[in-house]
Full PDB file with SEQRES, HELIX, SHEET, SSBOND, CRYST1, ORIGX, SCALE, CONECT and MASTER records, all heavy atoms in Angstrom:
SEQRES   1 A   39  GLY VAL GLY SER ALA THR PHE HIS PRO GLU VAL SER ARG          
SEQRES   2 A   39  ILE ALA ARG MET ALA SER GLY GLY ARG PHE GLY THR ALA          
SEQRES   3 A   39  GLN SER VAL PHE GLN VAL GLY GLY TYR VAL GLY ASN ALA          
HELIX    1 AA1 VAL A    2  MET A   17  1                                  16    
HELIX    2 AA2 PHE A   23  ASN A   38  1                                  16    
CRYST1    1.000    1.000    1.000  90.00  90.00  90.00 P 1           1          
ORIGX1      1.000000  0.000000  0.000000        0.00000                         
ORIGX2      0.000000  1.000000  0.000000        0.00000                         
ORIGX3      0.000000  0.000000  1.000000        0.00000                         
SCALE1      1.000000  0.000000  0.000000        0.00000                         
SCALE2      0.000000  1.000000  0.000000        0.00000                         
SCALE3      0.000000  0.000000  1.000000        0.00000                         
ATOM      1  N   GLY A   1     -80.194  18.013 -61.597  1.00  0.00           N  
ATOM      2  CA  GLY A   1     -80.553  16.621 -61.336  1.00  0.00           C  
ATOM      3  C   GLY A   1     -81.240  15.976 -62.515  1.00  0.00           C  
ATOM      4  O   GLY A   1     -80.997  14.795 -62.845  1.00  0.00           O  
ATOM      5  N   VAL A   2     -82.136  16.714 -63.188  1.00  0.00           N  
ATOM      6  CA  VAL A   2     -82.797  16.197 -64.396  1.00  0.00           C  
ATOM      7  C   VAL A   2     -81.777  15.892 -65.483  1.00  0.00           C  
ATOM      8  O   VAL A   2     -81.846  14.848 -66.154  1.00  0.00           O  
ATOM      9  CB  VAL A   2     -83.865  17.202 -64.913  1.00  0.00           C  
ATOM     10  CG1 VAL A   2     -84.383  16.772 -66.270  1.00  0.00           C  
ATOM     11  CG2 VAL A   2     -85.006  17.316 -63.904  1.00  0.00           C  
ATOM     12  N   GLY A   3     -80.819  16.814 -65.672  1.00  0.00           N  
ATOM     13  CA  GLY A   3     -79.773  16.567 -66.675  1.00  0.00           C  
ATOM     14  C   GLY A   3     -78.975  15.327 -66.352  1.00  0.00           C  
ATOM     15  O   GLY A   3     -78.653  14.553 -67.258  1.00  0.00           O  
ATOM     16  N   SER A   4     -78.653  15.111 -65.073  1.00  0.00           N  
ATOM     17  CA  SER A   4     -77.903  13.930 -64.673  1.00  0.00           C  
ATOM     18  C   SER A   4     -78.726  12.657 -64.923  1.00  0.00           C  
ATOM     19  O   SER A   4     -78.211  11.629 -65.392  1.00  0.00           O  
ATOM     20  CB  SER A   4     -77.546  14.013 -63.173  1.00  0.00           C  
ATOM     21  OG  SER A   4     -76.924  12.837 -62.730  1.00  0.00           O  
ATOM     22  N   ALA A   5     -80.021  12.711 -64.609  1.00  0.00           N  
ATOM     23  CA  ALA A   5     -80.891  11.556 -64.794  1.00  0.00           C  
ATOM     24  C   ALA A   5     -81.004  11.166 -66.275  1.00  0.00           C  
ATOM     25  O   ALA A   5     -81.119   9.982 -66.618  1.00  0.00           O  
ATOM     26  CB  ALA A   5     -82.275  11.841 -64.215  1.00  0.00           C  
ATOM     27  N   THR A   6     -80.985  12.151 -67.148  1.00  0.00           N  
ATOM     28  CA  THR A   6     -81.034  11.892 -68.581  1.00  0.00           C  
ATOM     29  C   THR A   6     -79.728  11.343 -69.087  1.00  0.00           C  
ATOM     30  O   THR A   6     -79.699  10.468 -69.983  1.00  0.00           O  
ATOM     31  CB  THR A   6     -81.365  13.205 -69.340  1.00  0.00           C  
ATOM     32  OG1 THR A   6     -82.590  13.753 -68.814  1.00  0.00           O  
ATOM     33  CG2 THR A   6     -81.502  12.971 -70.819  1.00  0.00           C  
ATOM     34  N   PHE A   7     -78.628  11.840 -68.554  1.00  0.00           N  
ATOM     35  CA  PHE A   7     -77.314  11.524 -69.079  1.00  0.00           C  
ATOM     36  C   PHE A   7     -76.894  10.071 -68.835  1.00  0.00           C  
ATOM     37  O   PHE A   7     -76.511   9.362 -69.785  1.00  0.00           O  
ATOM     38  CB  PHE A   7     -76.276  12.483 -68.439  1.00  0.00           C  
ATOM     39  CG  PHE A   7     -74.872  12.174 -68.823  1.00  0.00           C  
ATOM     40  CD1 PHE A   7     -74.327  12.703 -69.989  1.00  0.00           C  
ATOM     41  CD2 PHE A   7     -74.064  11.328 -68.055  1.00  0.00           C  
ATOM     42  CE1 PHE A   7     -73.034  12.414 -70.377  1.00  0.00           C  
ATOM     43  CE2 PHE A   7     -72.775  11.050 -68.429  1.00  0.00           C  
ATOM     44  CZ  PHE A   7     -72.257  11.592 -69.582  1.00  0.00           C  
ATOM     45  N   HIS A   8     -76.925   9.622 -67.591  1.00  0.00           N  
ATOM     46  CA  HIS A   8     -76.272   8.367 -67.250  1.00  0.00           C  
ATOM     47  C   HIS A   8     -76.846   7.107 -67.957  1.00  0.00           C  
ATOM     48  O   HIS A   8     -76.040   6.332 -68.518  1.00  0.00           O  
ATOM     49  CB  HIS A   8     -76.309   8.165 -65.725  1.00  0.00           C  
ATOM     50  CG  HIS A   8     -75.331   9.042 -65.001  1.00  0.00           C  
ATOM     51  ND1 HIS A   8     -75.679  10.315 -64.576  1.00  0.00           N  
ATOM     52  CD2 HIS A   8     -74.044   8.846 -64.672  1.00  0.00           C  
ATOM     53  CE1 HIS A   8     -74.621  10.863 -63.991  1.00  0.00           C  
ATOM     54  NE2 HIS A   8     -73.624  10.021 -64.036  1.00  0.00           N  
ATOM     55  N   PRO A   9     -78.144   6.872 -67.986  1.00  0.00           N  
ATOM     56  CA  PRO A   9     -78.612   5.645 -68.651  1.00  0.00           C  
ATOM     57  C   PRO A   9     -78.349   5.656 -70.162  1.00  0.00           C  
ATOM     58  O   PRO A   9     -78.016   4.633 -70.749  1.00  0.00           O  
ATOM     59  CB  PRO A   9     -80.112   5.612 -68.357  1.00  0.00           C  
ATOM     60  CG  PRO A   9     -80.470   6.992 -67.934  1.00  0.00           C  
ATOM     61  CD  PRO A   9     -79.247   7.591 -67.301  1.00  0.00           C  
ATOM     62  N   GLU A  10     -78.456   6.845 -70.801  1.00  0.00           N  
ATOM     63  CA  GLU A  10     -78.296   6.899 -72.244  1.00  0.00           C  
ATOM     64  C   GLU A  10     -76.851   6.783 -72.678  1.00  0.00           C  
ATOM     65  O   GLU A  10     -76.524   6.129 -73.665  1.00  0.00           O  
ATOM     66  CB  GLU A  10     -78.918   8.201 -72.788  1.00  0.00           C  
ATOM     67  CG  GLU A  10     -80.421   8.144 -72.897  1.00  0.00           C  
ATOM     68  CD  GLU A  10     -80.853   6.944 -73.764  1.00  0.00           C  
ATOM     69  OE1 GLU A  10     -80.707   7.010 -74.991  1.00  0.00           O  
ATOM     70  OE2 GLU A  10     -81.338   5.947 -73.196  1.00  0.00           O  
ATOM     71  N   VAL A  11     -75.927   7.403 -71.938  1.00  0.00           N  
ATOM     72  CA  VAL A  11     -74.522   7.311 -72.303  1.00  0.00           C  
ATOM     73  C   VAL A  11     -74.012   5.884 -71.998  1.00  0.00           C  
ATOM     74  O   VAL A  11     -73.148   5.352 -72.712  1.00  0.00           O  
ATOM     75  CB  VAL A  11     -73.658   8.373 -71.600  1.00  0.00           C  
ATOM     76  CG1 VAL A  11     -72.187   8.198 -71.883  1.00  0.00           C  
ATOM     77  CG2 VAL A  11     -74.082   9.756 -72.045  1.00  0.00           C  
ATOM     78  N   SER A  12     -74.537   5.277 -70.948  1.00  0.00           N  
ATOM     79  CA  SER A  12     -74.205   3.893 -70.683  1.00  0.00           C  
ATOM     80  C   SER A  12     -74.627   2.990 -71.836  1.00  0.00           C  
ATOM     81  O   SER A  12     -73.909   2.056 -72.218  1.00  0.00           O  
ATOM     82  CB  SER A  12     -74.855   3.428 -69.369  1.00  0.00           C  
ATOM     83  OG  SER A  12     -74.580   2.070 -69.123  1.00  0.00           O  
ATOM     84  N   ARG A  13     -75.789   3.270 -72.422  1.00  0.00           N  
ATOM     85  CA  ARG A  13     -76.255   2.518 -73.572  1.00  0.00           C  
ATOM     86  C   ARG A  13     -75.304   2.691 -74.766  1.00  0.00           C  
ATOM     87  O   ARG A  13     -74.946   1.726 -75.440  1.00  0.00           O  
ATOM     88  CB  ARG A  13     -77.673   2.988 -73.964  1.00  0.00           C  
ATOM     89  CG  ARG A  13     -78.314   2.141 -75.065  1.00  0.00           C  
ATOM     90  CD  ARG A  13     -79.410   2.937 -75.768  1.00  0.00           C  
ATOM     91  NE  ARG A  13     -80.377   3.470 -74.853  1.00  0.00           N  
ATOM     92  CZ  ARG A  13     -81.448   2.805 -74.388  1.00  0.00           C  
ATOM     93  NH1 ARG A  13     -81.645   1.565 -74.789  1.00  0.00           N  
ATOM     94  NH2 ARG A  13     -82.298   3.380 -73.571  1.00  0.00           N  
ATOM     95  N   ILE A  14     -74.871   3.925 -75.012  1.00  0.00           N  
ATOM     96  CA  ILE A  14     -73.971   4.193 -76.145  1.00  0.00           C  
ATOM     97  C   ILE A  14     -72.620   3.511 -75.902  1.00  0.00           C  
ATOM     98  O   ILE A  14     -71.996   3.008 -76.843  1.00  0.00           O  
ATOM     99  CB  ILE A  14     -73.798   5.718 -76.334  1.00  0.00           C  
ATOM    100  CG1 ILE A  14     -75.104   6.297 -76.903  1.00  0.00           C  
ATOM    101  CG2 ILE A  14     -72.655   6.018 -77.277  1.00  0.00           C  
ATOM    102  CD1 ILE A  14     -75.069   7.793 -77.139  1.00  0.00           C  
ATOM    103  N   ALA A  15     -72.171   3.472 -74.643  1.00  0.00           N  
ATOM    104  CA  ALA A  15     -70.925   2.741 -74.344  1.00  0.00           C  
ATOM    105  C   ALA A  15     -71.057   1.290 -74.701  1.00  0.00           C  
ATOM    106  O   ALA A  15     -70.139   0.669 -75.250  1.00  0.00           O  
ATOM    107  CB  ALA A  15     -70.572   2.889 -72.840  1.00  0.00           C  
ATOM    108  N   ARG A  16     -72.222   0.693 -74.454  1.00  0.00           N  
ATOM    109  CA  ARG A  16     -72.454  -0.711 -74.799  1.00  0.00           C  
ATOM    110  C   ARG A  16     -72.468  -0.876 -76.313  1.00  0.00           C  
ATOM    111  O   ARG A  16     -71.968  -1.864 -76.839  1.00  0.00           O  
ATOM    112  CB  ARG A  16     -73.781  -1.172 -74.181  1.00  0.00           C  
ATOM    113  CG  ARG A  16     -74.009  -2.687 -74.258  1.00  0.00           C  
ATOM    114  CD  ARG A  16     -75.270  -3.082 -73.532  1.00  0.00           C  
ATOM    115  NE  ARG A  16     -75.570  -4.494 -73.652  1.00  0.00           N  
ATOM    116  CZ  ARG A  16     -75.208  -5.436 -72.770  1.00  0.00           C  
ATOM    117  NH1 ARG A  16     -74.508  -5.074 -71.706  1.00  0.00           N  
ATOM    118  NH2 ARG A  16     -75.537  -6.682 -72.937  1.00  0.00           N  
ATOM    119  N   MET A  17     -73.078   0.082 -77.030  1.00  0.00           N  
ATOM    120  CA  MET A  17     -73.098   0.024 -78.498  1.00  0.00           C  
ATOM    121  C   MET A  17     -71.695   0.024 -79.074  1.00  0.00           C  
ATOM    122  O   MET A  17     -71.414  -0.670 -80.070  1.00  0.00           O  
ATOM    123  CB  MET A  17     -73.856   1.239 -79.049  1.00  0.00           C  
ATOM    124  CG  MET A  17     -75.339   1.268 -78.788  1.00  0.00           C  
ATOM    125  SD  MET A  17     -76.050   2.812 -79.423  1.00  0.00           S  
ATOM    126  CE  MET A  17     -77.795   2.565 -79.043  1.00  0.00           C  
ATOM    127  N   ALA A  18     -70.798   0.799 -78.474  1.00  0.00           N  
ATOM    128  CA  ALA A  18     -69.433   0.961 -78.998  1.00  0.00           C  
ATOM    129  C   ALA A  18     -68.445  -0.059 -78.435  1.00  0.00           C  
ATOM    130  O   ALA A  18     -67.255   0.009 -78.708  1.00  0.00           O  
ATOM    131  CB  ALA A  18     -68.928   2.375 -78.704  1.00  0.00           C  
ATOM    132  N   SER A  19     -68.946  -1.036 -77.671  1.00  0.00           N  
ATOM    133  CA  SER A  19     -68.077  -1.925 -76.927  1.00  0.00           C  
ATOM    134  C   SER A  19     -67.435  -3.020 -77.763  1.00  0.00           C  
ATOM    135  O   SER A  19     -66.474  -3.647 -77.342  1.00  0.00           O  
ATOM    136  CB  SER A  19     -68.858  -2.577 -75.784  1.00  0.00           C  
ATOM    137  OG  SER A  19     -69.835  -3.483 -76.299  1.00  0.00           O  
ATOM    138  N   GLY A  20     -68.011  -3.306 -78.932  1.00  0.00           N  
ATOM    139  CA  GLY A  20     -67.534  -4.449 -79.692  1.00  0.00           C  
ATOM    140  C   GLY A  20     -67.718  -5.782 -78.967  1.00  0.00           C  
ATOM    141  O   GLY A  20     -67.000  -6.731 -79.189  1.00  0.00           O  
ATOM    142  N   GLY A  21     -68.719  -5.800 -78.074  1.00  0.00           N  
ATOM    143  CA  GLY A  21     -68.998  -7.000 -77.282  1.00  0.00           C  
ATOM    144  C   GLY A  21     -68.211  -7.055 -75.983  1.00  0.00           C  
ATOM    145  O   GLY A  21     -68.488  -7.891 -75.124  1.00  0.00           O  
ATOM    146  N   ARG A  22     -67.240  -6.151 -75.771  1.00  0.00           N  
ATOM    147  CA  ARG A  22     -66.469  -6.122 -74.520  1.00  0.00           C  
ATOM    148  C   ARG A  22     -67.171  -5.131 -73.578  1.00  0.00           C  
ATOM    149  O   ARG A  22     -66.703  -4.002 -73.344  1.00  0.00           O  
ATOM    150  CB  ARG A  22     -65.031  -5.725 -74.802  1.00  0.00           C  
ATOM    151  CG  ARG A  22     -64.233  -6.867 -75.414  1.00  0.00           C  
ATOM    152  CD  ARG A  22     -62.832  -6.435 -75.793  1.00  0.00           C  
ATOM    153  NE  ARG A  22     -62.804  -5.863 -77.135  1.00  0.00           N  
ATOM    154  CZ  ARG A  22     -61.714  -5.368 -77.710  1.00  0.00           C  
ATOM    155  NH1 ARG A  22     -60.577  -5.361 -77.043  1.00  0.00           N  
ATOM    156  NH2 ARG A  22     -61.758  -4.891 -78.934  1.00  0.00           N  
ATOM    157  N   PHE A  23     -68.298  -5.559 -73.045  1.00  0.00           N  
ATOM    158  CA  PHE A  23     -69.191  -4.679 -72.284  1.00  0.00           C  
ATOM    159  C   PHE A  23     -68.535  -4.145 -71.032  1.00  0.00           C  
ATOM    160  O   PHE A  23     -68.683  -2.992 -70.673  1.00  0.00           O  
ATOM    161  CB  PHE A  23     -70.470  -5.407 -71.928  1.00  0.00           C  
ATOM    162  CG  PHE A  23     -71.217  -5.984 -73.107  1.00  0.00           C  
ATOM    163  CD1 PHE A  23     -71.690  -7.278 -73.079  1.00  0.00           C  
ATOM    164  CD2 PHE A  23     -71.406  -5.229 -74.248  1.00  0.00           C  
ATOM    165  CE1 PHE A  23     -72.360  -7.825 -74.185  1.00  0.00           C  
ATOM    166  CE2 PHE A  23     -72.066  -5.751 -75.342  1.00  0.00           C  
ATOM    167  CZ  PHE A  23     -72.563  -7.058 -75.299  1.00  0.00           C  
ATOM    168  N   GLY A  24     -67.798  -4.987 -70.323  1.00  0.00           N  
ATOM    169  CA  GLY A  24     -67.146  -4.564 -69.083  1.00  0.00           C  
ATOM    170  C   GLY A  24     -66.090  -3.509 -69.338  1.00  0.00           C  
ATOM    171  O   GLY A  24     -65.986  -2.529 -68.595  1.00  0.00           O  
ATOM    172  N   THR A  25     -65.309  -3.676 -70.386  1.00  0.00           N  
ATOM    173  CA  THR A  25     -64.295  -2.692 -70.745  1.00  0.00           C  
ATOM    174  C   THR A  25     -64.920  -1.341 -71.049  1.00  0.00           C  
ATOM    175  O   THR A  25     -64.481  -0.304 -70.587  1.00  0.00           O  
ATOM    176  CB  THR A  25     -63.495  -3.171 -71.969  1.00  0.00           C  
ATOM    177  OG1 THR A  25     -62.872  -4.420 -71.667  1.00  0.00           O  
ATOM    178  CG2 THR A  25     -62.441  -2.154 -72.389  1.00  0.00           C  
ATOM    179  N   ALA A  26     -66.006  -1.357 -71.846  1.00  0.00           N  
ATOM    180  CA  ALA A  26     -66.689  -0.123 -72.199  1.00  0.00           C  
ATOM    181  C   ALA A  26     -67.255   0.595 -70.980  1.00  0.00           C  
ATOM    182  O   ALA A  26     -67.149   1.818 -70.838  1.00  0.00           O  
ATOM    183  CB  ALA A  26     -67.806  -0.406 -73.206  1.00  0.00           C  
ATOM    184  N   GLN A  27     -67.856  -0.183 -70.064  1.00  0.00           N  
ATOM    185  CA  GLN A  27     -68.406   0.431 -68.856  1.00  0.00           C  
ATOM    186  C   GLN A  27     -67.324   0.980 -67.946  1.00  0.00           C  
ATOM    187  O   GLN A  27     -67.519   1.986 -67.272  1.00  0.00           O  
ATOM    188  CB  GLN A  27     -69.300  -0.585 -68.104  1.00  0.00           C  
ATOM    189  CG  GLN A  27     -70.560  -0.989 -68.821  1.00  0.00           C  
ATOM    190  CD  GLN A  27     -71.476   0.182 -69.142  1.00  0.00           C  
ATOM    191  OE1 GLN A  27     -71.545   1.142 -68.387  1.00  0.00           O  
ATOM    192  NE2 GLN A  27     -72.160   0.103 -70.269  1.00  0.00           N  
ATOM    193  N   SER A  28     -66.152   0.352 -67.942  1.00  0.00           N  
ATOM    194  CA  SER A  28     -65.042   0.857 -67.141  1.00  0.00           C  
ATOM    195  C   SER A  28     -64.571   2.210 -67.688  1.00  0.00           C  
ATOM    196  O   SER A  28     -64.266   3.112 -66.928  1.00  0.00           O  
ATOM    197  CB  SER A  28     -63.894  -0.144 -67.128  1.00  0.00           C  
ATOM    198  OG  SER A  28     -64.191  -1.254 -66.344  1.00  0.00           O  
ATOM    199  N   VAL A  29     -64.482   2.303 -69.008  1.00  0.00           N  
ATOM    200  CA  VAL A  29     -64.080   3.563 -69.643  1.00  0.00           C  
ATOM    201  C   VAL A  29     -65.093   4.663 -69.264  1.00  0.00           C  
ATOM    202  O   VAL A  29     -64.725   5.793 -68.929  1.00  0.00           O  
ATOM    203  CB  VAL A  29     -63.979   3.426 -71.167  1.00  0.00           C  
ATOM    204  CG1 VAL A  29     -63.761   4.785 -71.835  1.00  0.00           C  
ATOM    205  CG2 VAL A  29     -62.821   2.487 -71.517  1.00  0.00           C  
ATOM    206  N   PHE A  30     -66.383   4.296 -69.331  1.00  0.00           N  
ATOM    207  CA  PHE A  30     -67.433   5.235 -68.960  1.00  0.00           C  
ATOM    208  C   PHE A  30     -67.281   5.689 -67.511  1.00  0.00           C  
ATOM    209  O   PHE A  30     -67.327   6.884 -67.210  1.00  0.00           O  
ATOM    210  CB  PHE A  30     -68.781   4.548 -69.183  1.00  0.00           C  
ATOM    211  CG  PHE A  30     -69.973   5.305 -68.667  1.00  0.00           C  
ATOM    212  CD1 PHE A  30     -70.212   6.608 -69.070  1.00  0.00           C  
ATOM    213  CD2 PHE A  30     -70.890   4.704 -67.813  1.00  0.00           C  
ATOM    214  CE1 PHE A  30     -71.316   7.315 -68.612  1.00  0.00           C  
ATOM    215  CE2 PHE A  30     -71.984   5.393 -67.356  1.00  0.00           C  
ATOM    216  CZ  PHE A  30     -72.196   6.715 -67.749  1.00  0.00           C  
ATOM    217  N   GLN A  31     -67.048   4.739 -66.610  1.00  0.00           N  
ATOM    218  CA  GLN A  31     -66.961   5.061 -65.195  1.00  0.00           C  
ATOM    219  C   GLN A  31     -65.752   5.909 -64.855  1.00  0.00           C  
ATOM    220  O   GLN A  31     -65.840   6.820 -64.040  1.00  0.00           O  
ATOM    221  CB  GLN A  31     -66.904   3.746 -64.376  1.00  0.00           C  
ATOM    222  CG  GLN A  31     -68.248   3.078 -64.212  1.00  0.00           C  
ATOM    223  CD  GLN A  31     -69.222   3.983 -63.461  1.00  0.00           C  
ATOM    224  OE1 GLN A  31     -68.958   4.384 -62.349  1.00  0.00           O  
ATOM    225  NE2 GLN A  31     -70.342   4.264 -64.071  1.00  0.00           N  
ATOM    226  N   VAL A  32     -64.620   5.616 -65.450  1.00  0.00           N  
ATOM    227  CA  VAL A  32     -63.421   6.353 -65.091  1.00  0.00           C  
ATOM    228  C   VAL A  32     -63.532   7.830 -65.459  1.00  0.00           C  
ATOM    229  O   VAL A  32     -62.992   8.710 -64.791  1.00  0.00           O  
ATOM    230  CB  VAL A  32     -62.156   5.713 -65.723  1.00  0.00           C  
ATOM    231  CG1 VAL A  32     -61.987   6.090 -67.186  1.00  0.00           C  
ATOM    232  CG2 VAL A  32     -60.907   6.098 -64.931  1.00  0.00           C  
ATOM    233  N   GLY A  33     -64.262   8.123 -66.533  1.00  0.00           N  
ATOM    234  CA  GLY A  33     -64.529   9.544 -66.862  1.00  0.00           C  
ATOM    235  C   GLY A  33     -65.227  10.247 -65.732  1.00  0.00           C  
ATOM    236  O   GLY A  33     -64.914  11.392 -65.374  1.00  0.00           O  
ATOM    237  N   GLY A  34     -66.223   9.560 -65.144  1.00  0.00           N  
ATOM    238  CA  GLY A  34     -66.944  10.158 -64.005  1.00  0.00           C  
ATOM    239  C   GLY A  34     -66.067  10.384 -62.819  1.00  0.00           C  
ATOM    240  O   GLY A  34     -66.163  11.435 -62.140  1.00  0.00           O  
ATOM    241  N   TYR A  35     -65.177   9.440 -62.536  1.00  0.00           N  
ATOM    242  CA  TYR A  35     -64.273   9.617 -61.376  1.00  0.00           C  
ATOM    243  C   TYR A  35     -63.315  10.788 -61.580  1.00  0.00           C  
ATOM    244  O   TYR A  35     -63.006  11.530 -60.654  1.00  0.00           O  
ATOM    245  CB  TYR A  35     -63.491   8.326 -61.103  1.00  0.00           C  
ATOM    246  CG  TYR A  35     -64.310   7.276 -60.410  1.00  0.00           C  
ATOM    247  CD1 TYR A  35     -64.576   6.058 -61.027  1.00  0.00           C  
ATOM    248  CD2 TYR A  35     -64.827   7.487 -59.160  1.00  0.00           C  
ATOM    249  CE1 TYR A  35     -65.327   5.083 -60.394  1.00  0.00           C  
ATOM    250  CE2 TYR A  35     -65.589   6.514 -58.507  1.00  0.00           C  
ATOM    251  CZ  TYR A  35     -65.841   5.331 -59.144  1.00  0.00           C  
ATOM    252  OH  TYR A  35     -66.598   4.366 -58.514  1.00  0.00           O  
ATOM    253  N   VAL A  36     -62.838  10.980 -62.836  1.00  0.00           N  
ATOM    254  CA  VAL A  36     -61.972  12.105 -63.118  1.00  0.00           C  
ATOM    255  C   VAL A  36     -62.739  13.426 -62.900  1.00  0.00           C  
ATOM    256  O   VAL A  36     -62.186  14.364 -62.296  1.00  0.00           O  
ATOM    257  CB  VAL A  36     -61.439  12.017 -64.562  1.00  0.00           C  
ATOM    258  CG1 VAL A  36     -60.727  13.316 -64.960  1.00  0.00           C  
ATOM    259  CG2 VAL A  36     -60.499  10.839 -64.713  1.00  0.00           C  
ATOM    260  N   GLY A  37     -63.966  13.481 -63.388  1.00  0.00           N  
ATOM    261  CA  GLY A  37     -64.773  14.673 -63.178  1.00  0.00           C  
ATOM    262  C   GLY A  37     -65.037  14.960 -61.722  1.00  0.00           C  
ATOM    263  O   GLY A  37     -64.948  16.124 -61.270  1.00  0.00           O  
ATOM    264  N   ASN A  38     -65.332  13.917 -60.956  1.00  0.00           N  
ATOM    265  CA  ASN A  38     -65.568  14.072 -59.533  1.00  0.00           C  
ATOM    266  C   ASN A  38     -64.349  14.599 -58.808  1.00  0.00           C  
ATOM    267  O   ASN A  38     -64.441  15.405 -57.880  1.00  0.00           O  
ATOM    268  CB  ASN A  38     -65.996  12.743 -58.905  1.00  0.00           C  
ATOM    269  CG  ASN A  38     -67.511  12.534 -58.965  1.00  0.00           C  
ATOM    270  OD1 ASN A  38     -68.271  13.451 -58.686  1.00  0.00           O  
ATOM    271  ND2 ASN A  38     -67.910  11.338 -59.312  1.00  0.00           N  
ATOM    272  N   ALA A  39     -63.180  14.142 -59.204  1.00  0.00           N  
ATOM    273  CA  ALA A  39     -61.943  14.570 -58.551  1.00  0.00           C  
ATOM    274  C   ALA A  39     -61.612  16.027 -58.872  1.00  0.00           C  
ATOM    275  O   ALA A  39     -61.081  16.750 -58.022  1.00  0.00           O  
ATOM    276  CB  ALA A  39     -60.790  13.672 -58.963  1.00  0.00           C  
TER     277      ALA A  39                                                      
MASTER        0    0    0    2    0    0    0    6  276    1    0    3          
END                                                                             
């Protein structure tokens, strides 16, 4: 749980950094990785 708590906010921040201003697109890429892992 601690590892998960550390992971999500920081990787979301990096997704925003790499978004080129397309924040929604970057967050969608981030989210779909999680759904693949969950499945």
